[in-house]
Amino acid sequence: MRPLSRWVEKRLMPEAVRLADRIVGDSESTAKDLEGEYPEARGRVKVVYPGVPALPVAQGPEALVSMGVVRPYFLFVGTLEPRKNLCRLLMAYARVDDAIRRRYQMVIAGGKGWGGVDIRRIIRDAGLEDQVVVTGYVDDAELATLYANARFLAMPSLYEGFGLPILEAMSHGVPVLTSNRSSLPEVAGDAGVFVDPFDEMSVAAGLLSLLGNERYRDKLAGRAASNARRFSWQKAARDMWAVFEEAVELRDALRRGVDS
């Protein structure tokens, strides 16, 4: 976290947790982390999963040529910051056999974040200038097209509270390579390849399993869309409404107790 963000949360979060009638986490992992940090929150934390973000209709791969995407590719989506583990992902990709890298590009889509991640230097140091495309920030139409035409999404983050890019990719029938920790296995379900995000060799093995085995990749792709359907904004709305009702009932009961 940025130092200012950490300071604000350290000052304000304990009081927010203390005062809340109910607390909503967007994953079981987040809820567990919250209860671990604030034991007094136990019994008040509910999980409400987000739904699939609505993106425009995707275009075909020809729409990506102007970005420099001219071969089959796998995709990274996210702000360029340390938590996203992009440096280790690139170094793992550099370990993949050169013949495979000549067949499959890596595409990085996302705006510049904090933490001094010099993506161009990392790519140059890894000798990947001819295999990696950096698009920078993309709009929703471009993002939908990148998802729809990707072989898979690579998201080996060190930590995520939920991981919306996984859900976005799977809604397009695209499998994912992701971390075996925090909320990511919870979201990816049976459409993911899970790696240790701190182990470059583990990430490289995961990449190879998807780049070098079409049958395996297609098997996971067949599960992706159905896995994404576990998450909907209609269900999120119903679950959130139930949380509000619980909080209101709790306040009413407390008020009745005081009045009596």
Protein backbone atom coordinates (compact mmCIF):
# COMPACT_ATOMS: atom_id res chain seq x y z
CA MET A 1 0.00 0.00 0.00
CA ARG A 2 0.98 3.62 -0.38
CA PRO A 3 2.12 5.04 3.00
CA LEU A 4 -0.77 7.55 3.07
CA SER A 5 -3.36 4.86 2.34
CA ARG A 6 -1.93 2.67 5.11
CA TRP A 7 -1.96 5.58 7.58
CA VAL A 8 -5.60 6.45 6.76
CA GLU A 9 -6.76 2.85 7.13
CA LYS A 10 -4.82 2.38 10.36
CA ARG A 11 -6.53 5.44 11.80
CA LEU A 12 -10.07 4.95 10.48
CA MET A 13 -10.65 1.23 9.96
CA PRO A 14 -10.73 0.15 13.65
CA GLU A 15 -13.42 2.70 14.43
CA ALA A 16 -15.42 1.81 11.32
CA VAL A 17 -15.34 -1.87 12.30
CA ARG A 18 -16.31 -1.07 15.89
CA LEU A 19 -19.33 1.03 14.88
CA ALA A 20 -20.71 -1.14 12.07
CA ASP A 21 -23.83 -3.25 12.64
CA ARG A 22 -22.82 -5.46 9.73
CA ILE A 23 -19.62 -5.60 7.63
CA VAL A 24 -19.56 -6.82 4.03
CA GLY A 25 -16.56 -8.53 2.43
CA ASP A 26 -16.44 -9.29 -1.29
CA SER A 27 -14.92 -12.76 -0.74
CA GLU A 28 -14.56 -15.39 1.96
CA SER A 29 -10.84 -14.67 1.94
CA THR A 30 -11.39 -10.97 2.65
CA ALA A 31 -13.89 -11.79 5.39
CA LYS A 32 -11.42 -14.18 7.03
CA ASP A 33 -8.61 -11.62 6.82
CA LEU A 34 -10.85 -8.98 8.37
CA GLU A 35 -11.82 -11.22 11.27
CA GLY A 36 -8.18 -12.15 11.79
CA GLU A 37 -7.16 -8.51 12.02
CA TYR A 38 -10.23 -7.44 14.03
CA PRO A 39 -11.48 -10.37 16.14
CA GLU A 40 -14.26 -8.18 17.53
CA ALA A 41 -15.85 -8.23 14.04
CA ARG A 42 -16.63 -11.95 14.22
CA GLY A 43 -20.31 -12.64 13.80
CA ARG A 44 -20.92 -9.35 11.98
CA VAL A 45 -19.11 -10.09 8.69
CA LYS A 46 -21.11 -11.20 5.66
CA VAL A 47 -19.84 -12.11 2.19
CA VAL A 48 -21.46 -10.57 -0.88
CA TYR A 49 -19.77 -11.50 -4.14
CA PRO A 50 -19.71 -8.95 -6.99
CA GLY A 51 -21.30 -9.77 -10.31
CA VAL A 52 -19.73 -9.94 -13.76
CA PRO A 53 -18.89 -6.41 -14.98
CA ALA A 54 -20.76 -5.43 -18.15
CA LEU A 55 -18.39 -4.88 -21.07
CA PRO A 56 -19.15 -3.94 -24.69
CA VAL A 57 -19.38 -6.58 -27.41
CA ALA A 58 -15.90 -7.77 -28.35
CA GLN A 59 -14.44 -7.52 -31.84
CA GLY A 60 -12.26 -10.04 -33.62
CA PRO A 61 -8.46 -10.27 -33.34
CA GLU A 62 -7.99 -8.01 -36.36
CA ALA A 63 -9.03 -5.08 -34.15
CA LEU A 64 -5.87 -5.62 -32.07
CA VAL A 65 -3.32 -5.39 -34.87
CA SER A 66 -2.97 -1.62 -34.39
CA MET A 67 -1.81 -2.32 -30.82
CA GLY A 68 0.92 -4.62 -32.09
CA VAL A 69 -0.93 -7.86 -31.26
CA VAL A 70 -0.20 -9.99 -34.32
CA ARG A 71 0.03 -13.52 -32.91
CA PRO A 72 -1.92 -15.65 -30.42
CA TYR A 73 -1.35 -14.22 -26.95
CA PHE A 74 -2.01 -14.46 -23.28
CA LEU A 75 -3.12 -11.42 -21.32
CA PHE A 76 -2.27 -9.55 -18.14
CA VAL A 77 -4.76 -6.90 -16.97
CA GLY A 78 -4.12 -4.59 -14.06
CA THR A 79 -2.59 -1.40 -12.75
CA LEU A 80 1.19 -1.60 -12.84
CA GLU A 81 2.04 -1.84 -9.14
CA PRO A 82 4.11 -4.24 -6.99
CA ARG A 83 1.15 -6.25 -5.68
CA LYS A 84 0.32 -7.44 -9.20
CA ASN A 85 3.60 -9.41 -9.36
CA LEU A 86 4.23 -8.46 -12.97
CA CYS A 87 8.02 -8.59 -12.69
CA ARG A 88 7.95 -12.24 -11.60
CA LEU A 89 5.40 -13.07 -14.32
CA LEU A 90 7.68 -11.60 -16.97
CA MET A 91 10.72 -13.43 -15.66
CA ALA A 92 8.72 -16.68 -15.65
CA TYR A 93 7.65 -16.06 -19.25
CA ALA A 94 11.32 -15.57 -20.15
CA ARG A 95 11.97 -19.09 -18.85
CA VAL A 96 9.48 -20.63 -21.31
CA ASP A 97 11.07 -22.27 -24.33
CA ASP A 98 11.91 -19.74 -27.05
CA ALA A 99 9.97 -21.68 -29.69
CA ILE A 100 6.77 -21.31 -27.64
CA ARG A 101 7.43 -17.62 -26.99
CA ARG A 102 7.78 -17.03 -30.73
CA ARG A 103 4.28 -18.49 -31.16
CA TYR A 104 2.56 -16.72 -28.27
CA GLN A 105 2.88 -13.07 -27.35
CA MET A 106 2.27 -11.64 -23.91
CA VAL A 107 0.01 -8.57 -23.78
CA ILE A 108 0.04 -6.23 -20.78
CA ALA A 109 -2.98 -3.93 -20.46
CA GLY A 110 -3.26 -1.39 -17.66
CA GLY A 111 -2.36 2.09 -16.58
CA LYS A 112 0.69 3.10 -14.60
CA GLY A 113 0.32 2.70 -10.85
CA TRP A 114 2.49 3.37 -7.82
CA GLY A 115 5.66 1.65 -6.63
CA GLY A 116 8.01 2.52 -9.47
CA VAL A 117 7.32 -0.51 -11.67
CA ASP A 118 9.46 0.22 -14.75
CA ILE A 119 7.82 -2.21 -17.11
CA ARG A 120 9.93 -1.28 -20.14
CA ARG A 121 13.17 -1.90 -18.23
CA ILE A 122 11.96 -5.27 -16.94
CA ILE A 123 11.00 -6.35 -20.46
CA ARG A 124 14.35 -5.21 -21.82
CA ASP A 125 16.35 -6.90 -19.06
CA ALA A 126 14.47 -10.16 -19.70
CA GLY A 127 15.16 -9.99 -23.44
CA LEU A 128 11.45 -9.97 -24.27
CA GLU A 129 11.12 -6.86 -26.43
CA ASP A 130 9.90 -8.88 -29.43
CA GLN A 131 7.43 -10.98 -27.44
CA VAL A 132 5.65 -8.52 -25.13
CA VAL A 133 3.13 -5.83 -26.08
CA VAL A 134 2.36 -3.07 -23.56
CA THR A 135 -0.89 -1.32 -24.44
CA GLY A 136 -1.12 1.08 -21.52
CA TYR A 137 -4.61 2.05 -20.40
CA VAL A 138 -7.41 0.63 -22.58
CA ASP A 139 -11.10 1.54 -22.72
CA ASP A 140 -13.87 -0.98 -22.08
CA ALA A 141 -14.36 -1.84 -25.76
CA GLU A 142 -10.66 -2.56 -26.20
CA LEU A 143 -10.57 -4.50 -22.95
CA ALA A 144 -13.48 -6.71 -24.01
CA THR A 145 -11.71 -7.47 -27.30
CA LEU A 146 -8.46 -8.28 -25.50
CA TYR A 147 -10.26 -10.69 -23.16
CA ALA A 148 -12.30 -12.41 -25.87
CA ASN A 149 -9.32 -13.22 -28.08
CA ALA A 150 -6.79 -14.19 -25.38
CA ARG A 151 -5.60 -17.74 -24.90
CA PHE A 152 -5.78 -17.17 -21.16
CA LEU A 153 -5.49 -14.47 -18.51
CA ALA A 154 -2.36 -14.46 -16.32
CA MET A 155 -2.95 -12.89 -12.89
CA PRO A 156 -0.44 -14.23 -10.31
CA SER A 157 -1.04 -11.40 -7.83
CA LEU A 158 0.56 -11.44 -4.41
CA TYR A 159 -2.82 -10.47 -2.93
CA GLU A 160 -6.33 -9.65 -4.13
CA GLY A 161 -9.47 -8.89 -2.19
CA PHE A 162 -11.52 -10.38 -5.04
CA GLY A 163 -9.96 -10.23 -8.51
CA LEU A 164 -12.43 -8.81 -11.04
CA PRO A 165 -10.23 -9.42 -14.13
CA ILE A 166 -10.59 -13.15 -13.50
CA LEU A 167 -14.35 -12.83 -13.62
CA GLU A 168 -14.21 -10.63 -16.71
CA ALA A 169 -11.98 -13.09 -18.55
CA MET A 170 -14.04 -16.14 -17.62
CA SER A 171 -17.24 -14.43 -18.78
CA HIS A 172 -15.62 -14.49 -22.24
CA GLY A 173 -14.85 -18.21 -21.94
CA VAL A 174 -11.18 -17.57 -21.16
CA PRO A 175 -9.35 -19.66 -18.50
CA VAL A 176 -6.90 -18.13 -16.04
CA LEU A 177 -3.50 -18.66 -14.51
CA THR A 178 -3.57 -17.21 -11.03
CA SER A 179 -2.20 -17.42 -7.50
CA ASN A 180 -2.94 -20.16 -5.03
CA ARG A 181 -3.63 -17.67 -2.23
CA SER A 182 -5.96 -14.92 -1.01
CA SER A 183 -9.30 -14.77 -2.86
CA LEU A 184 -8.07 -15.98 -6.24
CA PRO A 185 -8.78 -19.75 -6.03
CA GLU A 186 -12.21 -18.84 -4.66
CA VAL A 187 -13.03 -16.82 -7.78
CA ALA A 188 -11.27 -18.91 -10.44
CA GLY A 189 -12.87 -22.17 -9.30
CA ASP A 190 -12.30 -25.08 -11.67
CA ALA A 191 -11.29 -22.86 -14.60
CA GLY A 192 -7.90 -21.90 -13.21
CA VAL A 193 -4.29 -23.04 -13.05
CA PHE A 194 -2.92 -22.15 -9.62
CA VAL A 195 0.69 -21.21 -8.96
CA ASP A 196 2.80 -20.00 -6.06
CA PRO A 197 3.14 -16.27 -6.81
CA PHE A 198 6.43 -16.06 -4.91
CA ASP A 199 8.04 -18.88 -6.91
CA GLU A 200 9.17 -17.94 -10.42
CA MET A 201 9.54 -21.60 -11.41
CA SER A 202 5.98 -22.34 -10.31
CA VAL A 203 4.67 -19.47 -12.44
CA ALA A 204 6.76 -20.65 -15.42
CA ALA A 205 5.38 -24.19 -15.06
CA GLY A 206 1.86 -22.82 -15.01
CA LEU A 207 2.48 -20.81 -18.16
CA LEU A 208 3.92 -23.84 -19.92
CA SER A 209 0.93 -25.99 -18.95
CA LEU A 210 -1.37 -23.56 -20.80
CA LEU A 211 0.89 -22.53 -23.67
CA GLY A 212 2.16 -26.02 -24.42
CA ASN A 213 -0.99 -28.10 -23.98
CA GLU A 214 -3.92 -26.98 -26.13
CA ARG A 215 -6.17 -29.81 -24.98
CA TYR A 216 -5.70 -28.86 -21.34
CA ARG A 217 -6.27 -25.19 -22.08
CA ASP A 218 -9.46 -25.97 -24.02
CA LYS A 219 -10.70 -28.13 -21.14
CA LEU A 220 -10.35 -25.22 -18.73
CA ALA A 221 -11.85 -22.80 -21.26
CA GLY A 222 -14.93 -25.03 -21.42
CA ARG A 223 -15.46 -24.47 -17.70
CA ALA A 224 -14.79 -20.74 -17.66
CA ALA A 225 -18.16 -19.29 -18.69
CA SER A 226 -20.14 -21.60 -16.39
CA ASN A 227 -17.86 -20.70 -13.50
CA ALA A 228 -18.43 -17.00 -14.19
CA ARG A 229 -22.19 -17.55 -13.99
CA ARG A 230 -21.81 -18.25 -10.27
CA PHE A 231 -21.50 -14.48 -9.90
CA SER A 232 -24.32 -12.09 -10.83
CA TRP A 233 -25.37 -8.59 -9.83
CA GLN A 234 -28.91 -9.87 -9.24
CA LYS A 235 -27.64 -12.26 -6.60
CA ALA A 236 -25.35 -9.56 -5.20
CA ALA A 237 -28.35 -7.23 -4.85
CA ARG A 238 -30.43 -9.89 -3.06
CA ASP A 239 -27.57 -10.74 -0.71
CA MET A 240 -26.89 -7.07 0.01
CA TRP A 241 -30.58 -6.45 0.71
CA ALA A 242 -30.51 -9.30 3.24
CA VAL A 243 -27.55 -7.65 4.99
CA PHE A 244 -29.44 -4.35 5.22
CA GLU A 245 -32.47 -6.16 6.66
CA GLU A 246 -30.31 -7.83 9.32
CA ALA A 247 -28.77 -4.50 10.28
CA VAL A 248 -32.17 -2.79 10.50
CA GLU A 249 -33.62 -5.61 12.59
CA LEU A 250 -30.62 -5.44 14.92
CA ARG A 251 -31.06 -1.70 15.41
CA ASP A 252 -34.79 -2.13 16.01
CA ALA A 253 -34.13 -4.80 18.63
CA LEU A 254 -31.57 -2.60 20.38
CA ARG A 255 -33.95 0.35 20.36
CA ARG A 256 -36.77 -1.75 21.78
CA GLY A 257 -34.41 -2.91 24.51
CA VAL A 258 -33.50 0.66 25.40
CA ASP A 259 -37.13 1.82 25.32
CA SER A 260 -38.20 -0.94 27.65
